[in-house]
Amino acid sequence: MSKEQYVCLVCGYNMVGFHPETCPFCGAGQERFITADECSARYRVAATPVNEKVTRLNS
């Protein structure tokens, strides 16, 4: 069973399985979060390798 994911539109923080009242990273309110599915539909995400273990995601 997959859990819902929420993405902060202000900073990009991704929360899995919990829709927070405020973003723990930037403090944005709950209304500034969208589901990961909605994020994927709105934005094109490109992966850029940083090193062999880390990939940066840009939208």
N, C-alpha and C. Protein backbone atom coordinates (compact mmCIF):
# COMPACT_ATOMS: atom_id res chain seq x y z
N MET A 1 0.85 -1.19 0.00
CA MET A 1 0.00 0.00 0.00
C MET A 1 0.89 1.25 0.00
N SER A 2 0.68 2.15 -0.96
CA SER A 2 1.49 3.36 -1.01
C SER A 2 0.84 4.46 -0.19
N LYS A 3 1.68 5.31 0.36
CA LYS A 3 1.20 6.43 1.16
C LYS A 3 1.16 7.69 0.30
N GLU A 4 0.22 8.56 0.60
CA GLU A 4 0.11 9.83 -0.10
C GLU A 4 1.35 10.68 0.21
N GLN A 5 1.81 11.43 -0.78
CA GLN A 5 2.94 12.32 -0.60
C GLN A 5 2.48 13.74 -0.87
N TYR A 6 3.02 14.68 -0.11
CA TYR A 6 2.70 16.10 -0.27
C TYR A 6 3.98 16.88 -0.51
N VAL A 7 3.92 17.85 -1.42
CA VAL A 7 5.08 18.65 -1.79
C VAL A 7 4.80 20.12 -1.48
N CYS A 8 5.73 20.77 -0.79
CA CYS A 8 5.60 22.20 -0.48
C CYS A 8 5.92 23.01 -1.73
N LEU A 9 5.01 23.89 -2.12
CA LEU A 9 5.21 24.72 -3.30
C LEU A 9 6.22 25.84 -3.06
N VAL A 10 6.55 26.12 -1.81
CA VAL A 10 7.49 27.19 -1.50
C VAL A 10 8.93 26.69 -1.60
N CYS A 11 9.22 25.57 -0.93
CA CYS A 11 10.61 25.11 -0.86
C CYS A 11 10.85 23.74 -1.49
N GLY A 12 9.78 23.00 -1.83
CA GLY A 12 9.94 21.69 -2.43
C GLY A 12 10.04 20.54 -1.46
N TYR A 13 9.90 20.81 -0.16
CA TYR A 13 9.96 19.74 0.84
C TYR A 13 8.89 18.70 0.54
N ASN A 14 9.24 17.42 0.66
CA ASN A 14 8.34 16.32 0.35
C ASN A 14 8.01 15.57 1.64
N MET A 15 6.72 15.49 1.98
CA MET A 15 6.27 14.81 3.18
C MET A 15 5.51 13.56 2.76
N VAL A 16 5.89 12.41 3.29
CA VAL A 16 5.27 11.13 2.92
C VAL A 16 4.33 10.67 4.02
N GLY A 17 3.06 10.43 3.66
CA GLY A 17 2.08 9.86 4.58
C GLY A 17 1.51 10.81 5.62
N PHE A 18 1.79 12.10 5.49
CA PHE A 18 1.32 13.07 6.49
C PHE A 18 1.19 14.43 5.82
N HIS A 19 0.04 15.09 5.99
CA HIS A 19 -0.17 16.43 5.44
C HIS A 19 0.00 17.42 6.60
N PRO A 20 1.17 18.05 6.71
CA PRO A 20 1.46 18.89 7.87
C PRO A 20 0.68 20.20 7.88
N GLU A 21 0.50 20.73 9.07
CA GLU A 21 -0.14 22.06 9.23
C GLU A 21 0.75 23.14 8.64
N THR A 22 2.06 23.02 8.88
CA THR A 22 3.06 23.93 8.32
C THR A 22 4.26 23.12 7.85
N CYS A 23 4.97 23.66 6.89
CA CYS A 23 6.17 22.99 6.38
C CYS A 23 7.25 23.03 7.47
N PRO A 24 7.81 21.86 7.83
CA PRO A 24 8.84 21.85 8.85
C PRO A 24 10.15 22.49 8.38
N PHE A 25 10.29 22.71 7.09
CA PHE A 25 11.52 23.29 6.57
C PHE A 25 11.43 24.81 6.43
N CYS A 26 10.35 25.31 5.77
CA CYS A 26 10.26 26.76 5.51
C CYS A 26 9.12 27.46 6.25
N GLY A 27 8.20 26.69 6.87
CA GLY A 27 7.12 27.30 7.63
C GLY A 27 5.87 27.64 6.84
N ALA A 28 5.83 27.31 5.55
CA ALA A 28 4.65 27.59 4.73
C ALA A 28 3.43 26.85 5.27
N GLY A 29 2.26 27.42 5.10
CA GLY A 29 1.02 26.82 5.59
C GLY A 29 0.58 25.62 4.76
N GLN A 30 -0.34 24.85 5.34
CA GLN A 30 -0.85 23.63 4.72
C GLN A 30 -1.42 23.88 3.32
N GLU A 31 -1.97 25.06 3.09
CA GLU A 31 -2.55 25.38 1.79
C GLU A 31 -1.49 25.49 0.68
N ARG A 32 -0.23 25.55 1.05
CA ARG A 32 0.86 25.65 0.08
C ARG A 32 1.42 24.28 -0.31
N PHE A 33 0.78 23.19 0.16
CA PHE A 33 1.17 21.83 -0.20
C PHE A 33 0.22 21.29 -1.26
N ILE A 34 0.76 20.52 -2.19
CA ILE A 34 -0.04 19.79 -3.16
C ILE A 34 0.39 18.33 -3.13
N THR A 35 -0.43 17.45 -3.67
CA THR A 35 -0.05 16.04 -3.69
C THR A 35 1.09 15.84 -4.69
N ALA A 36 1.85 14.78 -4.49
CA ALA A 36 2.94 14.47 -5.41
C ALA A 36 2.41 14.20 -6.82
N ASP A 37 1.23 13.59 -6.94
CA ASP A 37 0.62 13.35 -8.25
C ASP A 37 0.30 14.68 -8.94
N GLU A 38 -0.25 15.63 -8.19
CA GLU A 38 -0.56 16.94 -8.76
C GLU A 38 0.73 17.67 -9.15
N CYS A 39 1.76 17.52 -8.35
CA CYS A 39 3.06 18.13 -8.65
C CYS A 39 3.61 17.57 -9.95
N SER A 40 3.54 16.25 -10.12
CA SER A 40 4.04 15.61 -11.34
C SER A 40 3.25 16.06 -12.56
N ALA A 41 1.95 16.31 -12.39
CA ALA A 41 1.12 16.76 -13.50
C ALA A 41 1.41 18.21 -13.89
N ARG A 42 1.77 19.04 -12.89
CA ARG A 42 2.03 20.46 -13.14
C ARG A 42 3.44 20.75 -13.65
N TYR A 43 4.42 20.03 -13.11
CA TYR A 43 5.81 20.36 -13.35
C TYR A 43 6.57 19.20 -13.97
N ARG A 44 7.53 19.52 -14.80
CA ARG A 44 8.45 18.51 -15.34
C ARG A 44 9.66 18.47 -14.41
N VAL A 45 9.99 17.30 -13.94
CA VAL A 45 11.11 17.14 -13.02
C VAL A 45 12.25 16.48 -13.76
N ALA A 46 13.44 17.09 -13.67
CA ALA A 46 14.63 16.56 -14.32
C ALA A 46 15.65 16.17 -13.25
N ALA A 47 16.20 14.99 -13.38
CA ALA A 47 17.21 14.50 -12.44
C ALA A 47 18.60 14.85 -12.95
N THR A 48 19.43 15.41 -12.06
CA THR A 48 20.80 15.74 -12.38
C THR A 48 21.72 15.04 -11.39
N PRO A 49 22.55 14.10 -11.85
CA PRO A 49 23.46 13.41 -10.92
C PRO A 49 24.46 14.39 -10.30
N VAL A 50 24.61 14.33 -8.98
CA VAL A 50 25.59 15.15 -8.27
C VAL A 50 26.86 14.32 -8.06
N ASN A 51 26.67 13.10 -7.59
CA ASN A 51 27.76 12.14 -7.48
C ASN A 51 27.13 10.74 -7.57
N GLU A 52 27.85 9.69 -7.27
CA GLU A 52 27.30 8.35 -7.46
C GLU A 52 26.17 8.01 -6.50
N LYS A 53 26.01 8.77 -5.43
CA LYS A 53 24.96 8.48 -4.44
C LYS A 53 23.85 9.52 -4.38
N VAL A 54 24.07 10.69 -4.95
CA VAL A 54 23.12 11.79 -4.82
C VAL A 54 22.66 12.28 -6.18
N THR A 55 21.34 12.48 -6.31
CA THR A 55 20.76 13.05 -7.52
C THR A 55 19.93 14.27 -7.13
N ARG A 56 20.15 15.38 -7.80
CA ARG A 56 19.38 16.59 -7.54
C ARG A 56 18.18 16.60 -8.49
N LEU A 57 16.99 16.91 -7.96
CA LEU A 57 15.78 17.00 -8.77
C LEU A 57 15.43 18.47 -8.98
N ASN A 58 15.31 18.87 -10.23
CA ASN A 58 14.95 20.24 -10.59
C ASN A 58 13.61 20.24 -11.27
N SER A 59 12.80 21.27 -10.98
CA SER A 59 11.52 21.40 -11.68
C SER A 59 11.38 22.79 -12.21
